[in-house]
PDB file of N, CA and C in Angstrom:
ATOM      1  N   MET A   1      -5.749  31.094  15.316  1.00  0.00           N
ATOM      2  CA  MET A   1      -5.072  30.796  16.131  1.00  0.00           C
ATOM      3  C   MET A   1      -4.514  28.828  16.161  1.00  0.00           C
ATOM      4  N   PRO A   2      -3.328  29.121  15.922  1.00  0.00           N
ATOM      5  CA  PRO A   2      -3.387  27.427  15.782  1.00  0.00           C
ATOM      6  C   PRO A   2      -3.529  26.028  17.004  1.00  0.00           C
ATOM      7  N   GLU A   3      -4.145  24.860  16.506  1.00  0.00           N
ATOM      8  CA  GLU A   3      -4.276  23.753  16.853  1.00  0.00           C
ATOM      9  C   GLU A   3      -3.113  23.563  17.840  1.00  0.00           C
ATOM     10  N   TYR A   4      -3.458  23.234  19.350  1.00  0.00           N
ATOM     11  CA  TYR A   4      -1.819  22.091  19.259  1.00  0.00           C
ATOM     12  C   TYR A   4      -2.350  21.007  19.820  1.00  0.00           C
ATOM     13  N   LEU A   5      -1.779  19.742  19.869  1.00  0.00           N
ATOM     14  CA  LEU A   5      -2.457  18.491  20.477  1.00  0.00           C
ATOM     15  C   LEU A   5      -1.430  18.562  21.716  1.00  0.00           C
ATOM     16  N   SER A   6      -2.302  18.237  23.105  1.00  0.00           N
ATOM     17  CA  SER A   6      -2.078  18.103  23.384  1.00  0.00           C
ATOM     18  C   SER A   6      -0.894  17.088  24.579  1.00  0.00           C
ATOM     19  N   HIS A   7      -0.188  16.496  25.165  1.00  0.00           N
ATOM     20  CA  HIS A   7       0.523  15.747  25.664  1.00  0.00           C
ATOM     21  C   HIS A   7       0.556  14.029  25.123  1.00  0.00           C
ATOM     22  N   SER A   8      -0.727  13.944  25.777  1.00  0.00           N
ATOM     23  CA  SER A   8      -1.904  12.568  25.517  1.00  0.00           C
ATOM     24  C   SER A   8      -1.336  12.381  24.356  1.00  0.00           C
ATOM     25  N   ASP A   9      -2.210  13.280  23.511  1.00  0.00           N
ATOM     26  CA  ASP A   9      -2.608  12.736  22.511  1.00  0.00           C
ATOM     27  C   ASP A   9      -1.504  12.907  21.506  1.00  0.00           C
ATOM     28  N   TYR A  10      -0.660  13.288  21.518  1.00  0.00           N
ATOM     29  CA  TYR A  10       0.580  13.619  20.765  1.00  0.00           C
ATOM     30  C   TYR A  10       0.832  12.048  20.759  1.00  0.00           C
ATOM     31  N   VAL A  11       0.848  11.861  22.282  1.00  0.00           N
ATOM     32  CA  VAL A  11       1.726  10.057  22.443  1.00  0.00           C
ATOM     33  C   VAL A  11       1.005   9.413  21.492  1.00  0.00           C
ATOM     34  N   ASN A  12      -0.997   9.211  21.715  1.00  0.00           N
ATOM     35  CA  ASN A  12      -1.667   7.714  21.387  1.00  0.00           C
ATOM     36  C   ASN A  12      -1.597   8.715  19.585  1.00  0.00           C
ATOM     37  N   SER A  13      -1.098   9.475  19.102  1.00  0.00           N
ATOM     38  CA  SER A  13      -1.225   9.647  17.321  1.00  0.00           C
ATOM     39  C   SER A  13       0.689   8.403  17.557  1.00  0.00           C
ATOM     40  N   LYS A  14       1.076   8.789  18.217  1.00  0.00           N
ATOM     41  CA  LYS A  14       2.470   8.291  17.837  1.00  0.00           C
ATOM     42  C   LYS A  14       2.456   6.475  18.072  1.00  0.00           C
ATOM     43  N   ARG A  15       2.053   6.387  18.833  1.00  0.00           N
ATOM     44  CA  ARG A  15       1.404   4.778  19.159  1.00  0.00           C
ATOM     45  C   ARG A  15       0.245   3.886  18.427  1.00  0.00           C
ATOM     46  N   ARG A  16      -0.233   4.904  17.565  1.00  0.00           N
ATOM     47  CA  ARG A  16      -1.291   4.380  16.476  1.00  0.00           C
ATOM     48  C   ARG A  16      -0.541   4.194  14.969  1.00  0.00           C
ATOM     49  N   GLN A  17       0.804   5.009  15.202  1.00  0.00           N
ATOM     50  CA  GLN A  17       2.008   5.036  14.566  1.00  0.00           C
ATOM     51  C   GLN A  17       2.679   3.580  14.609  1.00  0.00           C
ATOM     52  N   VAL A  18       2.885   3.441  15.354  1.00  0.00           N
ATOM     53  CA  VAL A  18       3.178   2.583  16.352  1.00  0.00           C
ATOM     54  C   VAL A  18       2.461   0.858  15.861  1.00  0.00           C
ATOM     55  N   VAL A  19       1.292   0.503  16.226  1.00  0.00           N
ATOM     56  CA  VAL A  19       0.940   0.009  15.858  1.00  0.00           C
ATOM     57  C   VAL A  19       0.489  -0.120  14.156  1.00  0.00           C
ATOM     58  N   GLU A  20       0.190   0.567  13.760  1.00  0.00           N
ATOM     59  CA  GLU A  20       0.585   0.616  12.506  1.00  0.00           C
ATOM     60  C   GLU A  20       1.993  -0.046  11.315  1.00  0.00           C
ATOM     61  N   THR A  21       3.431   0.661  11.852  1.00  0.00           N
ATOM     62  CA  THR A  21       4.136  -0.284  11.626  1.00  0.00           C
ATOM     63  C   THR A  21       4.372  -1.034  11.556  1.00  0.00           C
ATOM     64  N   ALA A  22       4.063  -1.906  13.313  1.00  0.00           N
ATOM     65  CA  ALA A  22       4.238  -3.380  13.199  1.00  0.00           C
ATOM     66  C   ALA A  22       3.715  -4.063  12.092  1.00  0.00           C
ATOM     67  N   GLN A  23       2.293  -3.928  12.260  1.00  0.00           N
ATOM     68  CA  GLN A  23       1.121  -4.514  11.892  1.00  0.00           C
ATOM     69  C   GLN A  23       1.429  -4.765  10.320  1.00  0.00           C
ATOM     70  N   ALA A  24       1.896  -3.134   9.331  1.00  0.00           N
ATOM     71  CA  ALA A  24       2.307  -3.537   8.125  1.00  0.00           C
ATOM     72  C   ALA A  24       3.542  -4.396   7.726  1.00  0.00           C
ATOM     73  N   MET A  25       4.412  -4.562   9.148  1.00  0.00           N
ATOM     74  CA  MET A  25       5.132  -5.689   8.997  1.00  0.00           C
ATOM     75  C   MET A  25       5.002  -7.154   9.335  1.00  0.00           C
ATOM     76  N   LEU A  26       4.205  -7.087   9.952  1.00  0.00           N
ATOM     77  CA  LEU A  26       4.182  -8.711   9.898  1.00  0.00           C
ATOM     78  C   LEU A  26       3.183  -8.864   8.483  1.00  0.00           C
ATOM     79  N   ASP A  27       2.512  -8.285   8.520  1.00  0.00           N
ATOM     80  CA  ASP A  27       1.778  -8.233   7.025  1.00  0.00           C
ATOM     81  C   ASP A  27       2.632  -7.993   5.762  1.00  0.00           C
ATOM     82  N   GLY A  28       3.249  -7.639   5.731  1.00  0.00           N
ATOM     83  CA  GLY A  28       4.754  -7.712   4.841  1.00  0.00           C
ATOM     84  C   GLY A  28       4.401  -6.501   3.931  1.00  0.00           C
ATOM     85  N   GLN A  29       3.997  -6.089   3.814  1.00  0.00           N
ATOM     86  CA  GLN A  29       4.297  -4.615   3.721  1.00  0.00           C
ATOM     87  C   GLN A  29       5.309  -3.551   3.909  1.00  0.00           C
ATOM     88  N   LEU A  30       5.850  -3.948   4.385  1.00  0.00           N
ATOM     89  CA  LEU A  30       7.117  -2.536   4.862  1.00  0.00           C
ATOM     90  C   LEU A  30       7.707  -4.256   5.472  1.00  0.00           C
ATOM     91  N   CYS A  31       9.314  -4.086   5.035  1.00  0.00           N
ATOM     92  CA  CYS A  31      10.625  -4.518   5.471  1.00  0.00           C
ATOM     93  C   CYS A  31      10.834  -4.094   6.842  1.00  0.00           C
ATOM     94  N   TYR A  32      10.938  -5.411   7.566  1.00  0.00           N
ATOM     95  CA  TYR A  32      11.481  -4.979   8.753  1.00  0.00           C
ATOM     96  C   TYR A  32      12.584  -4.374   9.457  1.00  0.00           C
ATOM     97  N   LEU A  33      13.752  -4.664   8.271  1.00  0.00           N
ATOM     98  CA  LEU A  33      14.548  -3.313   7.897  1.00  0.00           C
ATOM     99  C   LEU A  33      14.265  -2.334   8.460  1.00  0.00           C
ATOM    100  N   ILE A  34      13.557  -1.977   7.451  1.00  0.00           N
ATOM    101  CA  ILE A  34      13.102  -0.452   7.379  1.00  0.00           C
ATOM    102  C   ILE A  34      11.978  -0.224   8.965  1.00  0.00           C
ATOM    103  N   GLY A  35      11.320  -0.634   9.656  1.00  0.00           N
ATOM    104  CA  GLY A  35      10.194  -0.947   9.919  1.00  0.00           C
ATOM    105  C   GLY A  35      10.871  -0.244  11.407  1.00  0.00           C
ATOM    106  N   SER A  36      11.946  -1.581  11.316  1.00  0.00           N
ATOM    107  CA  SER A  36      12.868  -1.686  12.951  1.00  0.00           C
ATOM    108  C   SER A  36      13.745  -0.056  12.679  1.00  0.00           C
ATOM    109  N   ARG A  37      13.909   0.310  12.010  1.00  0.00           N
ATOM    110  CA  ARG A  37      14.036   1.668  11.843  1.00  0.00           C
ATOM    111  C   ARG A  37      13.484   3.289  12.336  1.00  0.00           C
ATOM    112  N   ARG A  38      12.138   2.094  12.270  1.00  0.00           N
ATOM    113  CA  ARG A  38      11.087   3.859  11.908  1.00  0.00           C
ATOM    114  C   ARG A  38      10.698   3.483  13.734  1.00  0.00           C
ATOM    115  N   LEU A  39      10.899   2.370  14.061  1.00  0.00           N
ATOM    116  CA  LEU A  39       9.679   2.054  15.814  1.00  0.00           C
ATOM    117  C   LEU A  39      11.151   2.239  16.982  1.00  0.00           C
ATOM    118  N   SER A  40      12.165   1.498  15.874  1.00  0.00           N
ATOM    119  CA  SER A  40      13.534   2.614  16.361  1.00  0.00           C
ATOM    120  C   SER A  40      13.422   3.878  17.899  1.00  0.00           C
ATOM    121  N   ALA A  41      12.749   4.938  16.083  1.00  0.00           N
ATOM    122  CA  ALA A  41      12.491   6.129  16.056  1.00  0.00           C
ATOM    123  C   ALA A  41      11.271   6.724  17.237  1.00  0.00           C
ATOM    124  N   LEU A  42      10.628   5.698  16.561  1.00  0.00           N
ATOM    125  CA  LEU A  42       9.655   6.446  17.860  1.00  0.00           C
ATOM    126  C   LEU A  42       9.745   5.997  19.326  1.00  0.00           C
ATOM    127  N   ARG A  43      10.086   4.943  19.042  1.00  0.00           N
ATOM    128  CA  ARG A  43      10.308   4.540  21.201  1.00  0.00           C
ATOM    129  C   ARG A  43      10.379   5.815  21.877  1.00  0.00           C
ATOM    130  N   HIS A  44      11.287   6.489  21.910  1.00  0.00           N
ATOM    131  CA  HIS A  44      10.861   7.935  22.823  1.00  0.00           C
ATOM    132  C   HIS A  44      10.074   8.665  22.504  1.00  0.00           C
ATOM    133  N   GLU A  45       8.500   8.330  21.651  1.00  0.00           N
ATOM    134  CA  GLU A  45       7.819   9.190  21.382  1.00  0.00           C
ATOM    135  C   GLU A  45       6.481   8.314  22.025  1.00  0.00           C
ATOM    136  N   VAL A  46       6.529   7.553  22.719  1.00  0.00           N
ATOM    137  CA  VAL A  46       5.117   7.011  23.045  1.00  0.00           C
ATOM    138  C   VAL A  46       5.458   6.428  25.128  1.00  0.00           C
ATOM    139  N   ASP A  47       5.874   7.526  25.791  1.00  0.00           N
ATOM    140  CA  ASP A  47       6.063   7.156  26.630  1.00  0.00           C
ATOM    141  C   ASP A  47       6.205   6.015  27.260  1.00  0.00           C
ATOM    142  N   ILE A  48       6.953   5.536  26.818  1.00  0.00           N
ATOM    143  CA  ILE A  48       7.771   4.149  27.765  1.00  0.00           C
ATOM    144  C   ILE A  48       9.366   4.148  28.215  1.00  0.00           C
ATOM    145  N   ALA A  49       9.508   3.144  29.364  1.00  0.00           N
ATOM    146  CA  ALA A  49      11.131   2.525  29.633  1.00  0.00           C
ATOM    147  C   ALA A  49      12.111   2.781  28.418  1.00  0.00           C
ATOM    148  N   ASN A  50      12.896   3.387  28.522  1.00  0.00           N
ATOM    149  CA  ASN A  50      14.238   3.041  27.742  1.00  0.00           C
ATOM    150  C   ASN A  50      14.295   1.512  27.866  1.00  0.00           C
ATOM    151  N   SER A  51      14.740   1.044  28.300  1.00  0.00           N
ATOM    152  CA  SER A  51      15.216  -0.463  28.605  1.00  0.00           C
ATOM    153  C   SER A  51      13.528  -1.012  27.886  1.00  0.00           C
ATOM    154  N   ASP A  52      12.958  -0.578  27.450  1.00  0.00           N
ATOM    155  CA  ASP A  52      11.332  -1.128  26.579  1.00  0.00           C
ATOM    156  C   ASP A  52      12.249  -2.305  26.335  1.00  0.00           C
ATOM    157  N   ALA A  53      12.039  -4.383  26.391  1.00  0.00           N
ATOM    158  CA  ALA A  53      11.942  -4.981  25.285  1.00  0.00           C
ATOM    159  C   ALA A  53      11.713  -5.109  24.948  1.00  0.00           C
ATOM    160  N   ASP A  54      10.552  -5.034  24.096  1.00  0.00           N
ATOM    161  CA  ASP A  54       9.865  -4.780  22.588  1.00  0.00           C
ATOM    162  C   ASP A  54      10.457  -3.549  22.152  1.00  0.00           C
ATOM    163  N   PHE A  55      10.817  -2.374  22.492  1.00  0.00           N
ATOM    164  CA  PHE A  55      11.097  -1.390  21.270  1.00  0.00           C
ATOM    165  C   PHE A  55      12.855  -2.434  21.610  1.00  0.00           C
ATOM    166  N   LEU A  56      13.299  -2.743  22.482  1.00  0.00           N
ATOM    167  CA  LEU A  56      14.498  -3.090  22.002  1.00  0.00           C
ATOM    168  C   LEU A  56      15.488  -3.465  20.890  1.00  0.00           C
ATOM    169  N   ILE A  57      14.570  -4.400  20.766  1.00  0.00           N
ATOM    170  CA  ILE A  57      14.762  -5.557  19.644  1.00  0.00           C
ATOM    171  C   ILE A  57      15.031  -5.030  18.736  1.00  0.00           C
ATOM    172  N   PHE A  58      14.069  -3.831  18.220  1.00  0.00           N
ATOM    173  CA  PHE A  58      14.364  -2.948  17.021  1.00  0.00           C
ATOM    174  C   PHE A  58      15.591  -1.918  17.114  1.00  0.00           C
ATOM    175  N   VAL A  59      16.024  -1.581  18.390  1.00  0.00           N
ATOM    176  CA  VAL A  59      17.709  -0.790  18.788  1.00  0.00           C
ATOM    177  C   VAL A  59      17.769  -1.809  18.154  1.00  0.00           C
ATOM    178  N   GLY A  60      17.656  -3.578  18.737  1.00  0.00           N
ATOM    179  CA  GLY A  60      19.127  -4.218  18.000  1.00  0.00           C
ATOM    180  C   GLY A  60      19.504  -4.452  16.496  1.00  0.00           C
ATOM    181  N   ILE A  61      18.151  -4.239  16.145  1.00  0.00           N
ATOM    182  CA  ILE A  61      17.736  -4.631  14.449  1.00  0.00           C
ATOM    183  C   ILE A  61      18.743  -3.385  13.642  1.00  0.00           C
ATOM    184  N   ASP A  62      17.604  -2.565  14.166  1.00  0.00           N
ATOM    185  CA  ASP A  62      18.727  -0.388  13.311  1.00  0.00           C
ATOM    186  C   ASP A  62      19.662  -0.655  13.544  1.00  0.00           C
ATOM    187  N   SER A  63      20.804  -1.475  14.618  1.00  0.00           N
ATOM    188  CA  SER A  63      21.960  -0.796  15.571  1.00  0.00           C
ATOM    189  C   SER A  63      23.081  -1.871  14.118  1.00  0.00           C
ATOM    190  N   ASP A  64      22.008  -3.187  14.155  1.00  0.00           N
ATOM    191  CA  ASP A  64      23.051  -3.814  13.096  1.00  0.00           C
ATOM    192  C   ASP A  64      23.187  -3.874  12.033  1.00  0.00           C
ATOM    193  N   THR A  65      22.598  -3.210  11.615  1.00  0.00           N
ATOM    194  CA  THR A  65      21.902  -2.808   9.735  1.00  0.00           C
ATOM    195  C   THR A  65      22.175  -1.856  10.117  1.00  0.00           C
ATOM    196  N   ASP A  66      22.581  -0.774  10.176  1.00  0.00           N
ATOM    197  CA  ASP A  66      22.507   0.444  10.154  1.00  0.00           C
ATOM    198  C   ASP A  66      23.366   1.142   8.832  1.00  0.00           C
ATOM    199  N   ALA A  67      24.655   0.422   8.181  1.00  0.00           N
ATOM    200  CA  ALA A  67      25.031   0.180   8.052  1.00  0.00           C
ATOM    201  C   ALA A  67      24.600   0.260   6.530  1.00  0.00           C
ATOM    202  N   LEU A  68      23.788  -0.958   6.222  1.00  0.00           N
ATOM    203  CA  LEU A  68      22.567  -0.991   4.717  1.00  0.00           C
ATOM    204  C   LEU A  68      22.339   0.124   4.168  1.00  0.00           C
ATOM    205  N   PRO A  69      22.292   0.068   3.383  1.00  0.00           N
ATOM    206  CA  PRO A  69      21.281   1.203   2.365  1.00  0.00           C
ATOM    207  C   PRO A  69      19.809   0.942   1.626  1.00  0.00           C
ATOM    208  N   LEU A  70      19.142   1.451   2.524  1.00  0.00           N
ATOM    209  CA  LEU A  70      17.740   1.112   2.581  1.00  0.00           C
ATOM    210  C   LEU A  70      16.618   2.606   1.726  1.00  0.00           C
ATOM    211  N   GLY A  71      15.836   2.143   1.309  1.00  0.00           N
ATOM    212  CA  GLY A  71      14.737   3.499   1.753  1.00  0.00           C
ATOM    213  C   GLY A  71      15.298   4.547   0.176  1.00  0.00           C
ATOM    214  N   GLU A  72      15.360   5.723   0.451  1.00  0.00           N
ATOM    215  CA  GLU A  72      16.112   6.265  -0.674  1.00  0.00           C
ATOM    216  C   GLU A  72      17.062   6.689  -0.017  1.00  0.00           C
ATOM    217  N   VAL A  73      17.568   6.127   0.496  1.00  0.00           N
ATOM    218  CA  VAL A  73      19.398   6.638   0.219  1.00  0.00           C
ATOM    219  C   VAL A  73      19.415   5.701  -0.816  1.00  0.00           C
ATOM    220  N   ARG A  74      18.987   4.190  -1.225  1.00  0.00           N
ATOM    221  CA  ARG A  74      19.997   3.638  -2.155  1.00  0.00           C
ATOM    222  C   ARG A  74      19.700   4.240  -3.419  1.00  0.00           C
ATOM    223  N   ARG A  75      18.714   5.145  -3.695  1.00  0.00           N
ATOM    224  CA  ARG A  75      19.479   5.696  -5.494  1.00  0.00           C
ATOM    225  C   ARG A  75      20.313   7.040  -5.731  1.00  0.00           C
ATOM    226  N   HIS A  76      21.077   6.939  -4.216  1.00  0.00           N
ATOM    227  CA  HIS A  76      22.296   7.319  -4.164  1.00  0.00           C
ATOM    228  C   HIS A  76      23.809   6.853  -3.969  1.00  0.00           C
ATOM    229  N   TRP A  77      23.236   5.352  -4.208  1.00  0.00           N
ATOM    230  CA  TRP A  77      24.057   3.821  -4.215  1.00  0.00           C
ATOM    231  C   TRP A  77      24.433   4.047  -6.259  1.00  0.00           C
ATOM    232  N   SER A  78      25.670   3.171  -6.333  1.00  0.00           N
ATOM    233  CA  SER A  78      25.614   2.813  -8.184  1.00  0.00           C
ATOM    234  C   SER A  78      25.199   0.990  -7.662  1.00  0.00           C
ATOM    235  N   ALA A  79      24.102   0.918  -9.015  1.00  0.00           N
ATOM    236  CA  ALA A  79      23.479  -0.420  -9.182  1.00  0.00           C
ATOM    237  C   ALA A  79      24.610  -2.110  -8.531  1.00  0.00           C
ATOM    238  N   GLU A  80      25.995  -1.793  -9.004  1.00  0.00           N
ATOM    239  CA  GLU A  80      26.713  -2.623  -8.616  1.00  0.00           C
ATOM    240  C   GLU A  80      27.214  -2.709  -7.203  1.00  0.00           C
ATOM    241  N   ALA A  81      26.769  -1.564  -6.639  1.00  0.00           N
ATOM    242  CA  ALA A  81      27.681  -1.913  -5.118  1.00  0.00           C
ATOM    243  C   ALA A  81      26.227  -2.054  -3.923  1.00  0.00           C
ATOM    244  N   LEU A  82      25.460  -1.726  -5.154  1.00  0.00           N
ATOM    245  CA  LEU A  82      23.268  -2.399  -4.233  1.00  0.00           C
ATOM    246  C   LEU A  82      23.493  -4.143  -4.344  1.00  0.00           C
ATOM    247  N   ALA A  83      24.187  -4.558  -5.665  1.00  0.00           N
ATOM    248  CA  ALA A  83      23.781  -5.844  -6.410  1.00  0.00           C
ATOM    249  C   ALA A  83      25.219  -6.339  -5.503  1.00  0.00           C
ATOM    250  N   LYS A  84      25.852  -6.273  -5.088  1.00  0.00           N
ATOM    251  CA  LYS A  84      26.798  -6.368  -3.907  1.00  0.00           C
ATOM    252  C   LYS A  84      26.401  -6.814  -2.960  1.00  0.00           C
ATOM    253  N   LEU A  85      25.851  -5.737  -1.953  1.00  0.00           N
ATOM    254  CA  LEU A  85      25.400  -5.615  -0.376  1.00  0.00           C
ATOM    255  C   LEU A  85      23.937  -6.567  -0.997  1.00  0.00           C
ATOM    256  N   GLU A  86      23.203  -6.890  -2.244  1.00  0.00           N
ATOM    257  CA  GLU A  86      21.775  -7.363  -2.241  1.00  0.00           C
ATOM    258  C   GLU A  86      21.580  -9.052  -0.860  1.00  0.00           C
ATOM    259  N   PRO A  87      22.113  -9.814  -1.777  1.00  0.00           N
ATOM    260  CA  PRO A  87      22.607 -11.039  -0.154  1.00  0.00           C
ATOM    261  C   PRO A  87      22.387 -10.632   0.837  1.00  0.00           C
ATOM    262  N   GLU A  88      23.681  -9.736   1.509  1.00  0.00           N
ATOM    263  CA  GLU A  88      23.874  -9.447   3.155  1.00  0.00           C
ATOM    264  C   GLU A  88      21.817  -8.474   3.594  1.00  0.00           C
ATOM    265  N   ILE A  89      21.663  -7.822   2.528  1.00  0.00           N
ATOM    266  CA  ILE A  89      20.614  -7.408   3.051  1.00  0.00           C
ATOM    267  C   ILE A  89      19.565  -8.036   3.176  1.00  0.00           C
ATOM    268  N   GLN A  90      19.682  -9.095   2.299  1.00  0.00           N
ATOM    269  CA  GLN A  90      17.940 -10.268   2.380  1.00  0.00           C
ATOM    270  C   GLN A  90      18.213 -11.120   3.442  1.00  0.00           C
ATOM    271  N   SER A  91      19.787 -11.570   3.724  1.00  0.00           N
ATOM    272  CA  SER A  91      19.874 -12.520   5.107  1.00  0.00           C
ATOM    273  C   SER A  91      19.966 -11.523   6.402  1.00  0.00           C
ATOM    274  N   ALA A  92      19.673 -10.370   5.664  1.00  0.00           N
ATOM    275  CA  ALA A  92      19.870  -9.388   7.235  1.00  0.00           C
ATOM    276  C   ALA A  92      18.183  -9.492   7.984  1.00  0.00           C
ATOM    277  N   GLU A  93      17.257  -9.202   6.570  1.00  0.00           N
ATOM    278  CA  GLU A  93      15.711  -9.152   6.412  1.00  0.00           C
ATOM    279  C   GLU A  93      15.409 -10.079   7.080  1.00  0.00           C
ATOM    280  N   ALA A  94      15.821 -10.876   6.745  1.00  0.00           N
ATOM    281  CA  ALA A  94      15.043 -12.592   7.152  1.00  0.00           C
ATOM    282  C   ALA A  94      14.745 -13.001   8.877  1.00  0.00           C
ATOM    283  N   TRP A  95      16.826 -12.284   8.900  1.00  0.00           N
ATOM    284  CA  TRP A  95      17.252 -12.682  10.206  1.00  0.00           C
ATOM    285  C   TRP A  95      16.236 -11.090  11.273  1.00  0.00           C
ATOM    286  N   ALA A  96      15.979 -10.414  10.845  1.00  0.00           N
ATOM    287  CA  ALA A  96      15.099  -9.031  11.392  1.00  0.00           C
ATOM    288  C   ALA A  96      13.542  -9.999  11.821  1.00  0.00           C
ATOM    289  N   ALA A  97      13.402 -10.454  10.638  1.00  0.00           N
ATOM    290  CA  ALA A  97      12.114 -11.023  10.602  1.00  0.00           C
ATOM    291  C   ALA A  97      11.494 -12.249  11.612  1.00  0.00           C
ATOM    292  N   LYS A  98      12.188 -13.271  11.883  1.00  0.00           N
ATOM    293  CA  LYS A  98      12.632 -13.847  12.643  1.00  0.00           C
ATOM    294  C   LYS A  98      12.547 -13.270  14.544  1.00  0.00           C
ATOM    295  N   VAL A  99      13.726 -12.356  14.529  1.00  0.00           N
ATOM    296  CA  VAL A  99      13.552 -11.736  15.634  1.00  0.00           C
ATOM    297  C   VAL A  99      12.325 -10.906  16.315  1.00  0.00           C
ATOM    298  N   GLY A 100      11.875 -10.581  15.069  1.00  0.00           N
ATOM    299  CA  GLY A 100      11.090  -9.231  15.450  1.00  0.00           C
ATOM    300  C   GLY A 100       9.045  -8.832  15.721  1.00  0.00           C
ATOM    301  N   SER A 101       9.695 -10.793  14.683  1.00  0.00           N
ATOM    302  CA  SER A 101       8.114 -10.998  14.431  1.00  0.00           C
ATOM    303  C   SER A 101       7.348 -10.582  15.949  1.00  0.00           C
ATOM    304  N   GLU A 102       7.730 -11.783  17.321  1.00  0.00           N
ATOM    305  CA  GLU A 102       6.928 -11.371  18.585  1.00  0.00           C
ATOM    306  C   GLU A 102       7.059  -9.996  19.113  1.00  0.00           C
ATOM    307  N   ALA A 103       7.889  -9.491  18.868  1.00  0.00           N
ATOM    308  CA  ALA A 103       7.931  -8.072  19.302  1.00  0.00           C
ATOM    309  C   ALA A 103       7.125  -7.339  18.908  1.00  0.00           C
ATOM    310  N   CYS A 104       6.940  -7.885  16.813  1.00  0.00           N
ATOM    311  CA  CYS A 104       5.342  -6.266  16.399  1.00  0.00           C
ATOM    312  C   CYS A 104       4.697  -7.253  16.943  1.00  0.00           C
ATOM    313  N   ARG A 105       3.970  -8.563  17.429  1.00  0.00           N
ATOM    314  CA  ARG A 105       2.477  -8.679  18.212  1.00  0.00           C
ATOM    315  C   ARG A 105       2.228  -8.260  19.217  1.00  0.00           C
ATOM    316  N   SER A 106       3.078  -8.059  20.115  1.00  0.00           N
ATOM    317  CA  SER A 106       3.609  -7.225  21.451  1.00  0.00           C
ATOM    318  C   SER A 106       2.948  -5.881  21.218  1.00  0.00           C
ATOM    319  N   LEU A 107       3.507  -5.456  20.556  1.00  0.00           N
ATOM    320  CA  LEU A 107       3.353  -3.863  20.480  1.00  0.00           C
ATOM    321  C   LEU A 107       2.135  -3.544  19.836  1.00  0.00           C
ATOM    322  N   ILE A 108       1.976  -3.925  18.849  1.00  0.00           N
ATOM    323  CA  ILE A 108       0.203  -4.219  18.322  1.00  0.00           C
ATOM    324  C   ILE A 108      -0.871  -4.308  19.816  1.00  0.00           C
ATOM    325  N   ALA A 109      -0.354  -5.451  20.639  1.00  0.00           N
ATOM    326  CA  ALA A 109      -0.948  -6.070  21.739  1.00  0.00           C
ATOM    327  C   ALA A 109      -1.093  -4.722  22.831  1.00  0.00           C
ATOM    328  N   ARG A 110      -0.646  -4.404  23.139  1.00  0.00           N
ATOM    329  CA  ARG A 110       0.030  -2.928  24.029  1.00  0.00           C
ATOM    330  C   ARG A 110      -1.037  -1.984  23.869  1.00  0.00           C
ATOM    331  N   PHE A 111       0.117  -1.593  22.459  1.00  0.00           N
ATOM    332  CA  PHE A 111      -0.688   0.088  22.096  1.00  0.00           C
ATOM    333  C   PHE A 111      -1.740  -0.219  21.501  1.00  0.00           C
ATOM    334  N   ALA A 112      -2.559  -1.081  20.540  1.00  0.00           N
ATOM    335  CA  ALA A 112      -4.100  -1.163  20.323  1.00  0.00           C
ATOM    336  C   ALA A 112      -5.184  -1.275  21.253  1.00  0.00           C
ATOM    337  N   GLU A 113      -4.665  -1.627  22.001  1.00  0.00           N
ATOM    338  CA  GLU A 113      -5.158  -2.548  23.384  1.00  0.00           C
ATOM    339  C   GLU A 113      -5.866  -1.070  23.912  1.00  0.00           C
ATOM    340  N   GLN A 114      -4.827  -0.416  24.176  1.00  0.00           N
ATOM    341  CA  GLN A 114      -4.477   1.054  24.833  1.00  0.00           C
ATOM    342  C   GLN A 114      -5.419   1.854  24.079  1.00  0.00           C
ATOM    343  N   GLU A 115      -5.264   1.797  22.568  1.00  0.00           N
ATOM    344  CA  GLU A 115      -5.980   2.684  22.021  1.00  0.00           C
ATOM    345  C   GLU A 115      -7.804   2.804  22.148  1.00  0.00           C
ATOM    346  N   ALA A 116      -7.909   1.641  22.076  1.00  0.00           N
ATOM    347  CA  ALA A 116      -9.716   1.017  22.329  1.00  0.00           C
ATOM    348  C   ALA A 116     -10.133   0.845  23.412  1.00  0.00           C
ATOM    349  N   GLY A 117      -8.977   1.205  24.647  1.00  0.00           N
ATOM    350  CA  GLY A 117      -9.946   1.597  26.592  1.00  0.00           C
ATOM    351  C   GLY A 117      -9.790   2.515  26.576  1.00  0.00           C
TER     352      GLY A 117
END
């Protein structure tokens, strides 16, 4: 018989993913653009208000950069097209890091504290 997570356990597992993602972004192990896409998607899984200010930062970054090819989708793009977009991607990454780093720290403080408590 399969084991199922309780709602609380599920939410806690998603909150751990939020902390891991935000920490990886701050540590330079995950770019802010991809991390923002992950955090934007996770916000619906962690029992917070839709208007949560920290998550809205990442929703905004995701929305403003959703046309940029990141991650696996890049393999479907030509090298020439990617080269043309690279300056825009780098600029967007710098902007995302600037506006997202404080929200990363806030999410870590909020959700890591809940895990410890």
